Amino acid sequence: MPFDVSWYDDAHTILRVRVHGKPTWDEYDTAMDIVSQRIAAVPHRVDMVLDDEVGMPRGNPMPHLKAALDKVAAHPNLGMSMAASANNVALFPSLMMETAGRLYGVDMKRYGRFVKSMDEAVAIIMADRAKEQGKPAQSD
């Protein structure tokens, strides 16, 4: 499957969804089901990063993005959700997510940010967690 859902860290606090190959929307929907199940399986905050190497599948993204937002954002322990892509493949998805965010009233700084790398995403997540706890973020 072109969507690999795995824990980024041993503490199971960051989910990484690696996108590669030629994904379809059905496979995306299945991946979001897995993400939802993994978030539901733990009691603590979980942040999610879509590590995108190839861009969006062909076809209309809006119903799939809406369903994913509804499914994943319904978990009270969801922290941040963002996409990371070093390539320009994220330009169209970022425009679609921004549009979906406006249409469906979603906080895009929390649930739809686009960054250039997994490392940048993790740094943003760690800074947000530190801010939540009232502590300065630690850098490695």
C-alpha atoms as a PDB file:
ATOM      1  CA  MET A   1       0.000   0.000   0.000  1.00  0.00           C
ATOM      2  CA  PRO A   2       1.379   3.448  -0.858  1.00  0.00           C
ATOM      3  CA  PHE A   3       0.492   4.670   2.652  1.00  0.00           C
ATOM      4  CA  ASP A   4       2.711   3.325   5.439  1.00  0.00           C
ATOM      5  CA  VAL A   5       1.300   4.195   8.867  1.00  0.00           C
ATOM      6  CA  SER A   6       3.859   3.789  11.653  1.00  0.00           C
ATOM      7  CA  TRP A   7       4.863   5.278  14.973  1.00  0.00           C
ATOM      8  CA  TYR A   8       7.702   7.772  14.565  1.00  0.00           C
ATOM      9  CA  ASP A   9       8.737   7.446  18.210  1.00  0.00           C
ATOM     10  CA  ASP A  10       8.914   4.663  20.788  1.00  0.00           C
ATOM     11  CA  ALA A  11       6.488   6.513  23.081  1.00  0.00           C
ATOM     12  CA  HIS A  12       3.788   6.326  20.375  1.00  0.00           C
ATOM     13  CA  THR A  13       3.113  10.063  20.363  1.00  0.00           C
ATOM     14  CA  ILE A  14       3.791  10.882  16.680  1.00  0.00           C
ATOM     15  CA  LEU A  15       2.225   8.970  13.796  1.00  0.00           C
ATOM     16  CA  ARG A  16       4.068   9.103  10.487  1.00  0.00           C
ATOM     17  CA  VAL A  17       2.081   8.360   7.344  1.00  0.00           C
ATOM     18  CA  ARG A  18       4.604   7.882   4.539  1.00  0.00           C
ATOM     19  CA  VAL A  19       3.082   8.368   1.079  1.00  0.00           C
ATOM     20  CA  HIS A  20       4.905   6.808  -1.879  1.00  0.00           C
ATOM     21  CA  GLY A  21       4.232   5.055  -5.158  1.00  0.00           C
ATOM     22  CA  LYS A  22       0.883   5.694  -6.867  1.00  0.00           C
ATOM     23  CA  PRO A  23      -1.718   6.202  -4.136  1.00  0.00           C
ATOM     24  CA  THR A  24      -5.464   6.081  -4.669  1.00  0.00           C
ATOM     25  CA  TRP A  25      -8.190   7.768  -2.655  1.00  0.00           C
ATOM     26  CA  ASP A  26      -9.469   4.383  -1.464  1.00  0.00           C
ATOM     27  CA  GLU A  27      -5.999   3.656  -0.067  1.00  0.00           C
ATOM     28  CA  TYR A  28      -5.934   7.122   1.526  1.00  0.00           C
ATOM     29  CA  ASP A  29      -9.287   6.415   3.186  1.00  0.00           C
ATOM     30  CA  THR A  30      -7.941   3.090   4.495  1.00  0.00           C
ATOM     31  CA  ALA A  31      -4.811   4.808   5.833  1.00  0.00           C
ATOM     32  CA  MET A  32      -6.949   7.390   7.657  1.00  0.00           C
ATOM     33  CA  ASP A  33      -8.966   4.534   9.211  1.00  0.00           C
ATOM     34  CA  ILE A  34      -5.694   3.072  10.519  1.00  0.00           C
ATOM     35  CA  VAL A  35      -4.598   6.496  11.809  1.00  0.00           C
ATOM     36  CA  SER A  36      -7.925   6.889  13.599  1.00  0.00           C
ATOM     37  CA  GLN A  37      -7.604   3.441  15.197  1.00  0.00           C
ATOM     38  CA  ARG A  38      -4.059   4.147  16.386  1.00  0.00           C
ATOM     39  CA  ILE A  39      -5.011   7.502  17.898  1.00  0.00           C
ATOM     40  CA  ALA A  40      -7.966   5.870  19.665  1.00  0.00           C
ATOM     41  CA  ALA A  41      -5.728   3.123  21.066  1.00  0.00           C
ATOM     42  CA  VAL A  42      -3.643   5.440  23.272  1.00  0.00           C
ATOM     43  CA  PRO A  43      -4.728   7.830  26.041  1.00  0.00           C
ATOM     44  CA  HIS A  44      -2.129  10.552  25.431  1.00  0.00           C
ATOM     45  CA  ARG A  45      -1.671  13.253  22.813  1.00  0.00           C
ATOM     46  CA  VAL A  46      -0.872  11.994  19.326  1.00  0.00           C
ATOM     47  CA  ASP A  47       0.395  14.206  16.515  1.00  0.00           C
ATOM     48  CA  MET A  48       0.306  13.090  12.876  1.00  0.00           C
ATOM     49  CA  VAL A  49       2.628  13.871   9.971  1.00  0.00           C
ATOM     50  CA  LEU A  50       1.793  12.909   6.398  1.00  0.00           C
ATOM     51  CA  ASP A  51       5.295  12.438   4.936  1.00  0.00           C
ATOM     52  CA  ASP A  52       4.420  12.913   1.271  1.00  0.00           C
ATOM     53  CA  GLU A  53       6.838  11.887  -1.469  1.00  0.00           C
ATOM     54  CA  VAL A  54       4.396  11.862  -4.400  1.00  0.00           C
ATOM     55  CA  GLY A  55       1.435  14.211  -3.937  1.00  0.00           C
ATOM     56  CA  MET A  56      -2.285  13.594  -3.963  1.00  0.00           C
ATOM     57  CA  PRO A  57      -4.037  10.793  -5.810  1.00  0.00           C
ATOM     58  CA  ARG A  58      -5.972  11.681  -8.952  1.00  0.00           C
ATOM     59  CA  GLY A  59      -9.580  12.753  -8.613  1.00  0.00           C
ATOM     60  CA  ASN A  60     -11.604  15.047  -6.384  1.00  0.00           C
ATOM     61  CA  PRO A  61      -9.894  15.340  -2.986  1.00  0.00           C
ATOM     62  CA  MET A  62     -12.604  17.266  -1.138  1.00  0.00           C
ATOM     63  CA  PRO A  63     -14.866  14.416   0.070  1.00  0.00           C
ATOM     64  CA  HIS A  64     -11.834  12.409   1.182  1.00  0.00           C
ATOM     65  CA  LEU A  65     -10.203  15.334   2.979  1.00  0.00           C
ATOM     66  CA  LYS A  66     -13.487  16.170   4.714  1.00  0.00           C
ATOM     67  CA  ALA A  67     -14.017  12.562   5.815  1.00  0.00           C
ATOM     68  CA  ALA A  68     -10.423  12.334   7.087  1.00  0.00           C
ATOM     69  CA  LEU A  69     -10.734  15.623   8.986  1.00  0.00           C
ATOM     70  CA  ASP A  70     -13.985  14.492  10.574  1.00  0.00           C
ATOM     71  CA  LYS A  71     -12.614  11.072  11.486  1.00  0.00           C
ATOM     72  CA  VAL A  72      -9.214  12.079  12.847  1.00  0.00           C
ATOM     73  CA  ALA A  73     -10.107  15.424  14.436  1.00  0.00           C
ATOM     74  CA  ALA A  74     -12.903  13.710  16.393  1.00  0.00           C
ATOM     75  CA  HIS A  75     -10.289  12.261  18.747  1.00  0.00           C
ATOM     76  CA  PRO A  76      -9.773  14.551  21.755  1.00  0.00           C
ATOM     77  CA  ASN A  77      -6.149  13.400  22.042  1.00  0.00           C
ATOM     78  CA  LEU A  78      -5.215  14.499  18.502  1.00  0.00           C
ATOM     79  CA  GLY A  79      -2.558  17.165  18.723  1.00  0.00           C
ATOM     80  CA  MET A  80      -1.327  18.573  15.426  1.00  0.00           C
ATOM     81  CA  SER A  81      -1.695  17.167  11.931  1.00  0.00           C
ATOM     82  CA  MET A  82       0.513  18.333   9.080  1.00  0.00           C
ATOM     83  CA  ALA A  83       2.048  17.299   5.791  1.00  0.00           C
ATOM     84  CA  ALA A  84       5.771  17.266   5.029  1.00  0.00           C
ATOM     85  CA  SER A  85       7.171  17.290   1.522  1.00  0.00           C
ATOM     86  CA  ALA A  86      10.541  18.441   0.236  1.00  0.00           C
ATOM     87  CA  ASN A  87       9.191  18.431  -3.312  1.00  0.00           C
ATOM     88  CA  ASN A  88       6.718  20.737  -4.982  1.00  0.00           C
ATOM     89  CA  VAL A  89       4.204  17.867  -4.849  1.00  0.00           C
ATOM     90  CA  ALA A  90       2.695  19.554  -1.779  1.00  0.00           C
ATOM     91  CA  LEU A  91       1.662  22.758  -3.576  1.00  0.00           C
ATOM     92  CA  PHE A  92      -1.663  21.452  -4.893  1.00  0.00           C
ATOM     93  CA  PRO A  93      -2.461  19.508  -1.685  1.00  0.00           C
ATOM     94  CA  SER A  94      -1.730  22.597   0.397  1.00  0.00           C
ATOM     95  CA  LEU A  95      -4.160  24.629  -1.699  1.00  0.00           C
ATOM     96  CA  MET A  96      -6.793  21.884  -1.366  1.00  0.00           C
ATOM     97  CA  MET A  97      -6.296  21.642   2.407  1.00  0.00           C
ATOM     98  CA  GLU A  98      -6.527  25.418   2.736  1.00  0.00           C
ATOM     99  CA  THR A  99      -9.759  25.370   0.738  1.00  0.00           C
ATOM    100  CA  ALA A 100     -11.133  22.472   2.814  1.00  0.00           C
ATOM    101  CA  GLY A 101     -10.155  24.290   5.995  1.00  0.00           C
ATOM    102  CA  ARG A 102     -12.042  27.400   4.975  1.00  0.00           C
ATOM    103  CA  LEU A 103     -15.084  25.450   3.829  1.00  0.00           C
ATOM    104  CA  TYR A 104     -15.260  23.271   6.933  1.00  0.00           C
ATOM    105  CA  GLY A 105     -13.988  25.727   9.562  1.00  0.00           C
ATOM    106  CA  VAL A 106     -10.792  23.883  10.459  1.00  0.00           C
ATOM    107  CA  ASP A 107      -7.835  25.477  12.303  1.00  0.00           C
ATOM    108  CA  MET A 108      -5.227  25.046   9.570  1.00  0.00           C
ATOM    109  CA  LYS A 109      -2.283  25.978  11.823  1.00  0.00           C
ATOM    110  CA  ARG A 110      -3.167  22.937  13.919  1.00  0.00           C
ATOM    111  CA  TYR A 111      -4.601  20.506  11.356  1.00  0.00           C
ATOM    112  CA  GLY A 112      -3.317  21.426   7.919  1.00  0.00           C
ATOM    113  CA  ARG A 113       0.118  22.979   8.002  1.00  0.00           C
ATOM    114  CA  PHE A 114       2.574  22.122   5.221  1.00  0.00           C
ATOM    115  CA  VAL A 115       6.292  21.937   5.946  1.00  0.00           C
ATOM    116  CA  LYS A 116       9.400  20.911   3.981  1.00  0.00           C
ATOM    117  CA  SER A 117      10.582  17.919   6.031  1.00  0.00           C
ATOM    118  CA  MET A 118       9.746  15.401   8.725  1.00  0.00           C
ATOM    119  CA  ASP A 119      12.400  17.054  10.916  1.00  0.00           C
ATOM    120  CA  GLU A 120      10.675  20.429  10.566  1.00  0.00           C
ATOM    121  CA  ALA A 121       7.321  18.850  11.424  1.00  0.00           C
ATOM    122  CA  VAL A 122       8.753  17.207  14.554  1.00  0.00           C
ATOM    123  CA  ALA A 123      10.366  20.507  15.625  1.00  0.00           C
ATOM    124  CA  ILE A 124       7.003  22.303  15.294  1.00  0.00           C
ATOM    125  CA  ILE A 125       5.260  19.541  17.245  1.00  0.00           C
ATOM    126  CA  MET A 126       7.858  19.658  20.022  1.00  0.00           C
ATOM    127  CA  ALA A 127       7.587  23.455  20.247  1.00  0.00           C
ATOM    128  CA  ASP A 128       3.797  23.178  20.462  1.00  0.00           C
ATOM    129  CA  ARG A 129       4.032  20.550  23.192  1.00  0.00           C
ATOM    130  CA  ALA A 130       6.477  22.691  25.150  1.00  0.00           C
ATOM    131  CA  LYS A 131       4.200  25.712  24.789  1.00  0.00           C
ATOM    132  CA  GLU A 132       1.268  23.587  25.987  1.00  0.00           C
ATOM    133  CA  GLN A 133       3.266  22.654  29.060  1.00  0.00           C
ATOM    134  CA  GLY A 134       4.507  26.216  29.574  1.00  0.00           C
ATOM    135  CA  LYS A 135       8.144  25.304  28.928  1.00  0.00           C
ATOM    136  CA  PRO A 136      10.593  26.502  26.284  1.00  0.00           C
ATOM    137  CA  ALA A 137      11.124  24.027  23.437  1.00  0.00           C
ATOM    138  CA  GLN A 138      14.310  21.989  23.563  1.00  0.00           C
ATOM    139  CA  SER A 139      16.441  21.681  20.471  1.00  0.00           C
ATOM    140  CA  ASP A 140      18.614  18.657  19.793  1.00  0.00           C
END
